[in-house]
Structures are given as structure tokens and as C-alpha cells.
């Protein structure tokens, strides 16, 4: 059994049948057709800040950098590029791609193995908590929204504490089950990360709305590069290499005042 020392799933599934993994609506939604406009709409919905997974409550270590005076408006683009290339790309994006393929192959054991490995590589407590809380929320909501067996199955494993339920793994399962191609799924999640980072920069007064959009557009080539690398990376190489971000997250979790969960 997997037992997270940092977080525990809530007990809604025990008290509310509509949240239980075995609950199926009377009229389940039709099976997805892979790719095309339908897949694009799924990705847009999941990447939207209005989707209540909690992903947009995170600063992805940016608040720690700001508290340390280690980032300025001029260095924001370089920091985002570094986090994409060396942080979220080799870890979360790679895990998403691996799990997406595992879902299509029906390999539940591989999805759980990647989930545990991704969790183990997250060094600070707040990053682990953020990953599992947003992942569990995504699975819980997606089980209702998309009504696909792989989503309910992984949610059950998370509820039973047999796997941690990291956000990137949850996203891979949801998007694969909903018919989103793997390249598009990885790109959408990396864009959501970048948009969340830009939103945090706005709240931290490191940018304004116009420059935030310039920041996102400037990150597009880096996102493309990171997607290609994640798709080619084997499971043995799963793991981030961004020690400065880990240090900032460690300091952030002990800060007296915080705007963001990470």
C-alpha cells in the first residue's frame, strides 16, 4: 500500500456515491474519438484557469524566487524557460507522456510505477502536497466530467492510497482516456504550467497583463522543444534537474507569509 506522509485524500467517496470510482451515471458519455476538434476542446477545458483543479493556486517556486529577490521582470522569461527545460519538462511532462502511453496500452502497473517515481523525485514537502492535491482534485472532477473507466480506476487506486496521484499523472490519464493525442496532451499541460506561472507573476507584481501575454508567446518555442524532449525521454531518465527551484520551494514552505501553495 502507498501511504503519503504529507497528504491524505478526503473521504468524499465514502459519503457521496457520486464521487465514488464505481459510480456510473445512468447515461454515460459516448466513447471518445481520438484527435480532432473534440480532443482540442478537451485540452482547452483542462488548461483553462476556470477548471477547478487547484493548479492555478501554485506559483511553481516563483514566489520563493521573489521573496529571495532572485527574479526581476526582465529575468522572468529566462526563469520560465529554465523551469520548462530542466524542471517540469524532465519530470511532469515526461511522466504525462509515459502514463498516456500506458493508458492506451492498458498497463495500469506502468502508470502506478511512474506515479510513484514522479512523487519520489519531488524533494520539498509543499511540492509533493501541491502535486497530489491538484492531481486528486483533477481525477475526482474528471471522473464526473468525462466518465471514462481509466480515470475512475486510477482515482480508486489513489483513494485506496496505493498510488500518490500526482497532477501530471492524472492529466496523462484523463487526456488519454478522453482521446487527446499524447503530443497535444503534453503541450496543453506545459502551456497550463506556463499560464499558471504568468498568473503568479501578475499577482506578485512582477509583470502586467500585456507583458504576461508577451511572456507566454515567447515561451512557445521552449514549450515545443520541451514537448519533443519529453516524448523521447525514457522512464529511466524521469526526474527534474532544477536545484535552485527546489531550494526556493524549501524556503517558501517555511515563509511567514505566502500567497501561493507552492
C-alpha atoms as a PDB file:
ATOM      1  CA  UNK A   1       0.000   0.000   0.000  1.00  0.00           C
ATOM      2  CA  UNK A   2       1.226   3.517  -0.784  1.00  0.00           C
ATOM      3  CA  UNK A   3       0.971   5.908   2.191  1.00  0.00           C
ATOM      4  CA  UNK A   4       1.882   9.533   1.627  1.00  0.00           C
ATOM      5  CA  UNK A   5       3.439  11.117   4.730  1.00  0.00           C
ATOM      6  CA  UNK A   6       2.448  14.593   3.558  1.00  0.00           C
ATOM      7  CA  UNK A   7      -1.152  14.406   2.478  1.00  0.00           C
ATOM      8  CA  UNK A   8      -4.240  12.304   2.746  1.00  0.00           C
ATOM      9  CA  UNK A   9      -7.142  12.089   0.316  1.00  0.00           C
ATOM     10  CA  UNK A  10     -10.506  13.245   1.562  1.00  0.00           C
ATOM     11  CA  UNK A  11     -13.312  10.837   2.317  1.00  0.00           C
ATOM     12  CA  UNK A  12     -15.925  12.204  -0.039  1.00  0.00           C
ATOM     13  CA  UNK A  13     -16.123   8.955  -1.978  1.00  0.00           C
ATOM     14  CA  UNK A  14     -17.194   7.156   1.188  1.00  0.00           C
ATOM     15  CA  UNK A  15     -20.062   9.511   1.923  1.00  0.00           C
ATOM     16  CA  UNK A  16     -21.178  10.675  -1.513  1.00  0.00           C
ATOM     17  CA  UNK A  17     -21.805   7.968  -4.103  1.00  0.00           C
ATOM     18  CA  UNK A  18     -21.429  10.413  -6.972  1.00  0.00           C
ATOM     19  CA  UNK A  19     -17.733  10.769  -6.085  1.00  0.00           C
ATOM     20  CA  UNK A  20     -17.068   7.055  -5.810  1.00  0.00           C
ATOM     21  CA  UNK A  21     -14.892   5.465  -8.522  1.00  0.00           C
ATOM     22  CA  UNK A  22     -17.528   2.776  -9.129  1.00  0.00           C
ATOM     23  CA  UNK A  23     -20.332   5.276  -9.623  1.00  0.00           C
ATOM     24  CA  UNK A  24     -21.553   5.405 -13.202  1.00  0.00           C
ATOM     25  CA  UNK A  25     -24.221   7.821 -14.447  1.00  0.00           C
ATOM     26  CA  UNK A  26     -27.361   6.364 -15.960  1.00  0.00           C
ATOM     27  CA  UNK A  27     -26.380   7.767 -19.349  1.00  0.00           C
ATOM     28  CA  UNK A  28     -22.574   7.668 -19.703  1.00  0.00           C
ATOM     29  CA  UNK A  29     -20.978   9.928 -22.272  1.00  0.00           C
ATOM     30  CA  UNK A  30     -20.033   8.367 -25.621  1.00  0.00           C
ATOM     31  CA  UNK A  31     -16.590   6.890 -26.201  1.00  0.00           C
ATOM     32  CA  UNK A  32     -14.080   9.493 -27.413  1.00  0.00           C
ATOM     33  CA  UNK A  33     -12.811   9.634 -30.956  1.00  0.00           C
ATOM     34  CA  UNK A  34      -9.052  10.237 -30.789  1.00  0.00           C
ATOM     35  CA  UNK A  35      -7.726  13.529 -32.105  1.00  0.00           C
ATOM     36  CA  UNK A  36      -9.540  16.237 -33.996  1.00  0.00           C
ATOM     37  CA  UNK A  37     -11.635  19.093 -32.725  1.00  0.00           C
ATOM     38  CA  UNK A  38     -13.096  17.070 -29.846  1.00  0.00           C
ATOM     39  CA  UNK A  39      -9.608  16.437 -28.464  1.00  0.00           C
ATOM     40  CA  UNK A  40      -8.708  20.116 -28.799  1.00  0.00           C
ATOM     41  CA  UNK A  41     -11.791  21.076 -26.801  1.00  0.00           C
ATOM     42  CA  UNK A  42     -10.787  18.660 -24.014  1.00  0.00           C
ATOM     43  CA  UNK A  43      -7.309  20.178 -23.842  1.00  0.00           C
ATOM     44  CA  UNK A  44      -8.695  23.709 -23.792  1.00  0.00           C
ATOM     45  CA  UNK A  45     -11.079  22.824 -20.960  1.00  0.00           C
ATOM     46  CA  UNK A  46      -8.362  21.220 -18.850  1.00  0.00           C
ATOM     47  CA  UNK A  47      -5.910  24.092 -19.418  1.00  0.00           C
ATOM     48  CA  UNK A  48      -8.492  26.754 -18.556  1.00  0.00           C
ATOM     49  CA  UNK A  49      -7.874  28.536 -15.265  1.00  0.00           C
ATOM     50  CA  UNK A  50     -11.608  28.164 -14.575  1.00  0.00           C
ATOM     51  CA  UNK A  51     -11.177  24.371 -14.344  1.00  0.00           C
ATOM     52  CA  UNK A  52     -11.146  23.864 -10.553  1.00  0.00           C
ATOM     53  CA  UNK A  53      -8.210  21.505 -10.154  1.00  0.00           C
ATOM     54  CA  UNK A  54      -6.296  23.957  -7.982  1.00  0.00           C
ATOM     55  CA  UNK A  55      -3.414  24.127 -10.462  1.00  0.00           C
ATOM     56  CA  UNK A  56      -3.662  27.901 -10.612  1.00  0.00           C
ATOM     57  CA  UNK A  57      -3.133  28.277  -6.867  1.00  0.00           C
ATOM     58  CA  UNK A  58       0.547  27.436  -7.401  1.00  0.00           C
ATOM     59  CA  UNK A  59       3.477  29.708  -8.244  1.00  0.00           C
ATOM     60  CA  UNK A  60       5.844  26.837  -9.187  1.00  0.00           C
ATOM     61  CA  UNK A  61       8.577  28.253  -6.917  1.00  0.00           C
ATOM     62  CA  UNK A  62       8.226  31.791  -8.362  1.00  0.00           C
ATOM     63  CA  UNK A  63       7.071  33.240  -5.045  1.00  0.00           C
ATOM     64  CA  UNK A  64      10.176  31.789  -3.401  1.00  0.00           C
ATOM     65  CA  UNK A  65      12.354  33.469  -6.020  1.00  0.00           C
ATOM     66  CA  UNK A  66      10.504  36.762  -5.471  1.00  0.00           C
ATOM     67  CA  UNK A  67      10.884  36.544  -1.674  1.00  0.00           C
ATOM     68  CA  UNK A  68      14.625  35.987  -2.126  1.00  0.00           C
ATOM     69  CA  UNK A  69      14.943  38.876  -4.579  1.00  0.00           C
ATOM     70  CA  UNK A  70      16.258  36.400  -7.145  1.00  0.00           C
ATOM     71  CA  UNK A  71      13.940  37.310 -10.035  1.00  0.00           C
ATOM     72  CA  UNK A  72      13.016  40.567 -11.774  1.00  0.00           C
ATOM     73  CA  UNK A  73      10.589  41.415 -14.572  1.00  0.00           C
ATOM     74  CA  UNK A  74      13.482  41.219 -17.020  1.00  0.00           C
ATOM     75  CA  UNK A  75      14.600  37.752 -15.904  1.00  0.00           C
ATOM     76  CA  UNK A  76      11.115  36.194 -15.839  1.00  0.00           C
ATOM     77  CA  UNK A  77      11.361  34.743 -19.390  1.00  0.00           C
ATOM     78  CA  UNK A  78      14.698  33.076 -18.662  1.00  0.00           C
ATOM     79  CA  UNK A  79      13.389  31.613 -15.395  1.00  0.00           C
ATOM     80  CA  UNK A  80      10.293  30.207 -17.099  1.00  0.00           C
ATOM     81  CA  UNK A  81      12.434  28.692 -19.863  1.00  0.00           C
ATOM     82  CA  UNK A  82      14.740  27.065 -17.290  1.00  0.00           C
ATOM     83  CA  UNK A  83      11.822  25.618 -15.341  1.00  0.00           C
ATOM     84  CA  UNK A  84      10.320  24.194 -18.529  1.00  0.00           C
ATOM     85  CA  UNK A  85      13.562  22.694 -19.831  1.00  0.00           C
ATOM     86  CA  UNK A  86      15.076  21.421 -16.589  1.00  0.00           C
ATOM     87  CA  UNK A  87      12.206  21.190 -14.105  1.00  0.00           C
ATOM     88  CA  UNK A  88       8.716  20.367 -15.299  1.00  0.00           C
ATOM     89  CA  UNK A  89       9.870  19.007 -18.680  1.00  0.00           C
ATOM     90  CA  UNK A  90      12.075  16.129 -17.488  1.00  0.00           C
ATOM     91  CA  UNK A  91       9.675  15.355 -14.625  1.00  0.00           C
ATOM     92  CA  UNK A  92       5.976  16.122 -15.033  1.00  0.00           C
ATOM     93  CA  UNK A  93       5.827  16.356 -18.824  1.00  0.00           C
ATOM     94  CA  UNK A  94       7.799  13.139 -19.194  1.00  0.00           C
ATOM     95  CA  UNK A  95       5.582  11.363 -16.666  1.00  0.00           C
ATOM     96  CA  UNK A  96       2.493  12.573 -18.501  1.00  0.00           C
ATOM     97  CA  UNK A  97       3.763  11.144 -21.786  1.00  0.00           C
ATOM     98  CA  UNK A  98       4.705   7.813 -20.201  1.00  0.00           C
ATOM     99  CA  UNK A  99       1.369   7.452 -18.434  1.00  0.00           C
ATOM    100  CA  UNK A 100      -0.573   8.473 -21.541  1.00  0.00           C
ATOM    101  CA  UNK A 101       1.040   5.589 -23.435  1.00  0.00           C
ATOM    102  CA  UNK A 102       0.433   3.235 -20.501  1.00  0.00           C
ATOM    103  CA  UNK A 103      -3.284   4.044 -20.528  1.00  0.00           C
ATOM    104  CA  UNK A 104      -3.563   3.307 -24.236  1.00  0.00           C
ATOM    105  CA  UNK A 105      -1.707   0.026 -23.697  1.00  0.00           C
ATOM    106  CA  UNK A 106      -3.900  -0.889 -20.718  1.00  0.00           C
ATOM    107  CA  UNK A 107      -0.822  -1.080 -18.475  1.00  0.00           C
ATOM    108  CA  UNK A 108      -2.047   0.008 -15.053  1.00  0.00           C
ATOM    109  CA  UNK A 109       1.133  -1.174 -13.346  1.00  0.00           C
ATOM    110  CA  UNK A 110       3.251   1.134 -15.507  1.00  0.00           C
ATOM    111  CA  UNK A 111       1.045   4.131 -14.670  1.00  0.00           C
ATOM    112  CA  UNK A 112       1.362   3.430 -10.941  1.00  0.00           C
ATOM    113  CA  UNK A 113       5.114   2.932 -11.223  1.00  0.00           C
ATOM    114  CA  UNK A 114       5.554   6.285 -12.979  1.00  0.00           C
ATOM    115  CA  UNK A 115       3.279   7.990 -10.452  1.00  0.00           C
ATOM    116  CA  UNK A 116       5.356   6.724  -7.525  1.00  0.00           C
ATOM    117  CA  UNK A 117       8.640   7.605  -9.202  1.00  0.00           C
ATOM    118  CA  UNK A 118       7.479  11.131 -10.020  1.00  0.00           C
ATOM    119  CA  UNK A 119       6.323  11.655  -6.433  1.00  0.00           C
ATOM    120  CA  UNK A 120       9.625  10.375  -5.027  1.00  0.00           C
ATOM    121  CA  UNK A 121      11.538  12.897  -7.135  1.00  0.00           C
ATOM    122  CA  UNK A 122       9.711  15.900  -5.686  1.00  0.00           C
ATOM    123  CA  UNK A 123      12.073  16.978  -2.922  1.00  0.00           C
ATOM    124  CA  UNK A 124      10.146  19.541  -0.883  1.00  0.00           C
ATOM    125  CA  UNK A 125       7.042  18.803   1.146  1.00  0.00           C
ATOM    126  CA  UNK A 126       4.991  21.629  -0.346  1.00  0.00           C
ATOM    127  CA  UNK A 127       5.722  20.490  -3.902  1.00  0.00           C
ATOM    128  CA  UNK A 128       4.649  16.934  -3.077  1.00  0.00           C
ATOM    129  CA  UNK A 129       1.481  18.189  -1.418  1.00  0.00           C
ATOM    130  CA  UNK A 130       0.680  20.509  -4.324  1.00  0.00           C
ATOM    131  CA  UNK A 131       1.174  17.709  -6.854  1.00  0.00           C
ATOM    132  CA  UNK A 132      -1.046  15.216  -5.057  1.00  0.00           C
ATOM    133  CA  UNK A 133      -3.791  17.645  -4.044  1.00  0.00           C
ATOM    134  CA  UNK A 134      -4.211  19.006  -7.556  1.00  0.00           C
ATOM    135  CA  UNK A 135      -3.917  15.508  -9.012  1.00  0.00           C
ATOM    136  CA  UNK A 136      -6.615  14.078  -6.778  1.00  0.00           C
ATOM    137  CA  UNK A 137      -8.897  17.022  -7.451  1.00  0.00           C
ATOM    138  CA  UNK A 138      -8.380  16.617 -11.197  1.00  0.00           C
ATOM    139  CA  UNK A 139      -9.168  12.892 -11.073  1.00  0.00           C
ATOM    140  CA  UNK A 140     -12.218  13.427  -8.882  1.00  0.00           C
ATOM    141  CA  UNK A 141     -13.706  16.055 -11.159  1.00  0.00           C
ATOM    142  CA  UNK A 142     -12.670  14.385 -14.433  1.00  0.00           C
ATOM    143  CA  UNK A 143     -14.328  11.131 -13.361  1.00  0.00           C
ATOM    144  CA  UNK A 144     -17.613  13.046 -13.404  1.00  0.00           C
ATOM    145  CA  UNK A 145     -16.932  15.305 -16.384  1.00  0.00           C
ATOM    146  CA  UNK A 146     -15.510  12.713 -18.797  1.00  0.00           C
ATOM    147  CA  UNK A 147     -16.796   9.432 -17.307  1.00  0.00           C
ATOM    148  CA  UNK A 148     -14.028   7.139 -18.577  1.00  0.00           C
ATOM    149  CA  UNK A 149     -13.061   3.838 -16.891  1.00  0.00           C
ATOM    150  CA  UNK A 150      -9.282   4.567 -16.688  1.00  0.00           C
ATOM    151  CA  UNK A 151      -9.968   7.776 -14.768  1.00  0.00           C
ATOM    152  CA  UNK A 152     -12.230   6.052 -12.255  1.00  0.00           C
ATOM    153  CA  UNK A 153      -9.760   3.177 -11.912  1.00  0.00           C
ATOM    154  CA  UNK A 154      -6.825   5.453 -11.055  1.00  0.00           C
ATOM    155  CA  UNK A 155      -8.976   7.540  -8.729  1.00  0.00           C
ATOM    156  CA  UNK A 156      -9.814   4.322  -6.884  1.00  0.00           C
ATOM    157  CA  UNK A 157      -6.112   3.482  -6.512  1.00  0.00           C
ATOM    158  CA  UNK A 158      -5.424   6.976  -5.157  1.00  0.00           C
ATOM    159  CA  UNK A 159      -8.372   6.794  -2.750  1.00  0.00           C
ATOM    160  CA  UNK A 160      -7.074   3.441  -1.503  1.00  0.00           C
ATOM    161  CA  UNK A 161      -3.613   5.031  -1.033  1.00  0.00           C
ATOM    162  CA  UNK A 162      -1.976   2.592  -3.415  1.00  0.00           C
ATOM    163  CA  UNK A 163      -0.501   5.391  -5.531  1.00  0.00           C
ATOM    164  CA  UNK A 164       0.090   9.091  -4.782  1.00  0.00           C
ATOM    165  CA  UNK A 165      -1.934  10.633  -7.645  1.00  0.00           C
ATOM    166  CA  UNK A 166       0.402  13.357  -8.916  1.00  0.00           C
ATOM    167  CA  UNK A 167      -1.131  16.045 -11.136  1.00  0.00           C
ATOM    168  CA  UNK A 168       0.900  15.205 -14.235  1.00  0.00           C
ATOM    169  CA  UNK A 169      -0.045  11.537 -13.989  1.00  0.00           C
ATOM    170  CA  UNK A 170      -3.693  12.440 -13.512  1.00  0.00           C
ATOM    171  CA  UNK A 171      -3.520  14.722 -16.557  1.00  0.00           C
ATOM    172  CA  UNK A 172      -1.979  11.959 -18.656  1.00  0.00           C
ATOM    173  CA  UNK A 173      -4.700   9.512 -17.657  1.00  0.00           C
ATOM    174  CA  UNK A 174      -7.523  11.978 -18.227  1.00  0.00           C
ATOM    175  CA  UNK A 175      -6.305  13.195 -21.597  1.00  0.00           C
ATOM    176  CA  UNK A 176      -5.521   9.694 -22.877  1.00  0.00           C
ATOM    177  CA  UNK A 177      -8.918   8.421 -21.755  1.00  0.00           C
ATOM    178  CA  UNK A 178     -10.625  11.413 -23.401  1.00  0.00           C
ATOM    179  CA  UNK A 179      -8.951  10.780 -26.758  1.00  0.00           C
ATOM    180  CA  UNK A 180      -6.338  13.550 -26.731  1.00  0.00           C
ATOM    181  CA  UNK A 181      -3.151  12.602 -28.660  1.00  0.00           C
ATOM    182  CA  UNK A 182      -0.046  12.388 -26.498  1.00  0.00           C
ATOM    183  CA  UNK A 183       1.815  15.294 -28.119  1.00  0.00           C
ATOM    184  CA  UNK A 184      -1.165  17.585 -27.696  1.00  0.00           C
ATOM    185  CA  UNK A 185      -1.692  16.409 -24.114  1.00  0.00           C
ATOM    186  CA  UNK A 186       1.899  17.224 -23.125  1.00  0.00           C
ATOM    187  CA  UNK A 187       1.771  20.597 -24.878  1.00  0.00           C
ATOM    188  CA  UNK A 188      -1.512  21.534 -23.203  1.00  0.00           C
ATOM    189  CA  UNK A 189      -0.197  20.713 -19.739  1.00  0.00           C
ATOM    190  CA  UNK A 190       3.019  22.660 -20.315  1.00  0.00           C
ATOM    191  CA  UNK A 191       1.005  25.628 -21.525  1.00  0.00           C
ATOM    192  CA  UNK A 192      -1.179  25.384 -18.406  1.00  0.00           C
ATOM    193  CA  UNK A 193       2.003  25.397 -16.307  1.00  0.00           C
ATOM    194  CA  UNK A 194       3.284  28.475 -18.156  1.00  0.00           C
ATOM    195  CA  UNK A 195      -0.042  30.293 -17.849  1.00  0.00           C
ATOM    196  CA  UNK A 196      -0.108  29.492 -14.131  1.00  0.00           C
ATOM    197  CA  UNK A 197       3.435  30.848 -13.806  1.00  0.00           C
ATOM    198  CA  UNK A 198       2.423  34.043 -15.656  1.00  0.00           C
ATOM    199  CA  UNK A 199      -0.643  34.423 -13.433  1.00  0.00           C
ATOM    200  CA  UNK A 200       1.545  34.120 -10.352  1.00  0.00           C
ATOM    201  CA  UNK A 201       3.888  36.764 -11.771  1.00  0.00           C
ATOM    202  CA  UNK A 202       0.903  39.097 -12.134  1.00  0.00           C
ATOM    203  CA  UNK A 203      -0.162  38.631  -8.516  1.00  0.00           C
ATOM    204  CA  UNK A 204       3.433  39.092  -7.351  1.00  0.00           C
ATOM    205  CA  UNK A 205       3.626  42.339  -9.369  1.00  0.00           C
ATOM    206  CA  UNK A 206       6.483  41.078 -11.498  1.00  0.00           C
ATOM    207  CA  UNK A 207       4.596  41.805 -14.706  1.00  0.00           C
ATOM    208  CA  UNK A 208       1.381  43.315 -16.057  1.00  0.00           C
ATOM    209  CA  UNK A 209      -1.346  41.792 -18.228  1.00  0.00           C
ATOM    210  CA  UNK A 210       0.191  42.850 -21.532  1.00  0.00           C
ATOM    211  CA  UNK A 211       3.700  41.689 -20.682  1.00  0.00           C
ATOM    212  CA  UNK A 212       2.304  38.426 -19.315  1.00  0.00           C
ATOM    213  CA  UNK A 213       0.930  37.660 -22.765  1.00  0.00           C
ATOM    214  CA  UNK A 214       4.284  38.520 -24.331  1.00  0.00           C
ATOM    215  CA  UNK A 215       5.877  36.153 -21.794  1.00  0.00           C
ATOM    216  CA  UNK A 216       3.552  33.315 -22.800  1.00  0.00           C
ATOM    217  CA  UNK A 217       4.070  33.851 -26.500  1.00  0.00           C
ATOM    218  CA  UNK A 218       7.821  33.965 -26.017  1.00  0.00           C
ATOM    219  CA  UNK A 219       7.673  30.638 -24.170  1.00  0.00           C
ATOM    220  CA  UNK A 220       6.007  28.863 -27.110  1.00  0.00           C
ATOM    221  CA  UNK A 221       9.244  27.704 -28.802  1.00  0.00           C
ATOM    222  CA  UNK A 222      10.537  26.433 -25.460  1.00  0.00           C
ATOM    223  CA  UNK A 223       7.281  24.551 -24.896  1.00  0.00           C
ATOM    224  CA  UNK A 224       7.629  22.927 -28.333  1.00  0.00           C
ATOM    225  CA  UNK A 225      11.214  21.951 -27.545  1.00  0.00           C
ATOM    226  CA  UNK A 226      10.212  20.589 -24.140  1.00  0.00           C
ATOM    227  CA  UNK A 227       7.360  18.546 -25.636  1.00  0.00           C
ATOM    228  CA  UNK A 228       9.710  16.884 -28.124  1.00  0.00           C
ATOM    229  CA  UNK A 229      12.204  16.076 -25.376  1.00  0.00           C
ATOM    230  CA  UNK A 230       9.520  14.670 -23.062  1.00  0.00           C
ATOM    231  CA  UNK A 231       8.138  12.402 -25.777  1.00  0.00           C
ATOM    232  CA  UNK A 232      11.608  10.983 -26.448  1.00  0.00           C
ATOM    233  CA  UNK A 233      12.725  10.609 -22.821  1.00  0.00           C
ATOM    234  CA  UNK A 234      12.704   7.063 -21.344  1.00  0.00           C
ATOM    235  CA  UNK A 235      11.315   6.259 -17.918  1.00  0.00           C
ATOM    236  CA  UNK A 236      14.840   5.680 -16.593  1.00  0.00           C
ATOM    237  CA  UNK A 237      15.585   9.391 -17.135  1.00  0.00           C
ATOM    238  CA  UNK A 238      12.430  10.672 -15.421  1.00  0.00           C
ATOM    239  CA  UNK A 239      13.296  13.434 -12.954  1.00  0.00           C
ATOM    240  CA  UNK A 240      13.912  17.165 -12.702  1.00  0.00           C
ATOM    241  CA  UNK A 241      17.297  18.855 -12.544  1.00  0.00           C
ATOM    242  CA  UNK A 242      16.430  22.289 -11.166  1.00  0.00           C
ATOM    243  CA  UNK A 243      18.136  22.518  -7.743  1.00  0.00           C
ATOM    244  CA  UNK A 244      17.636  26.282  -7.409  1.00  0.00           C
ATOM    245  CA  UNK A 245      13.878  25.805  -7.741  1.00  0.00           C
ATOM    246  CA  UNK A 246      13.992  23.068  -5.074  1.00  0.00           C
ATOM    247  CA  UNK A 247      15.874  25.410  -2.726  1.00  0.00           C
ATOM    248  CA  UNK A 248      13.352  28.221  -3.295  1.00  0.00           C
ATOM    249  CA  UNK A 249      10.463  25.828  -2.641  1.00  0.00           C
ATOM    250  CA  UNK A 250      12.107  24.652   0.569  1.00  0.00           C
ATOM    251  CA  UNK A 251      12.477  28.222   1.784  1.00  0.00           C
ATOM    252  CA  UNK A 252       8.968  29.118   0.660  1.00  0.00           C
ATOM    253  CA  UNK A 253       7.280  26.408   2.718  1.00  0.00           C
ATOM    254  CA  UNK A 254       8.805  27.950   5.877  1.00  0.00           C
ATOM    255  CA  UNK A 255       7.976  31.554   4.983  1.00  0.00           C
ATOM    256  CA  UNK A 256       5.899  33.580   7.433  1.00  0.00           C
ATOM    257  CA  UNK A 257       3.505  34.808   4.731  1.00  0.00           C
ATOM    258  CA  UNK A 258       2.604  33.218   1.403  1.00  0.00           C
ATOM    259  CA  UNK A 259       0.174  33.959  -1.428  1.00  0.00           C
ATOM    260  CA  UNK A 260       0.556  30.560  -3.081  1.00  0.00           C
ATOM    261  CA  UNK A 261       0.572  26.928  -2.027  1.00  0.00           C
ATOM    262  CA  UNK A 262       3.931  26.410  -3.731  1.00  0.00           C
END
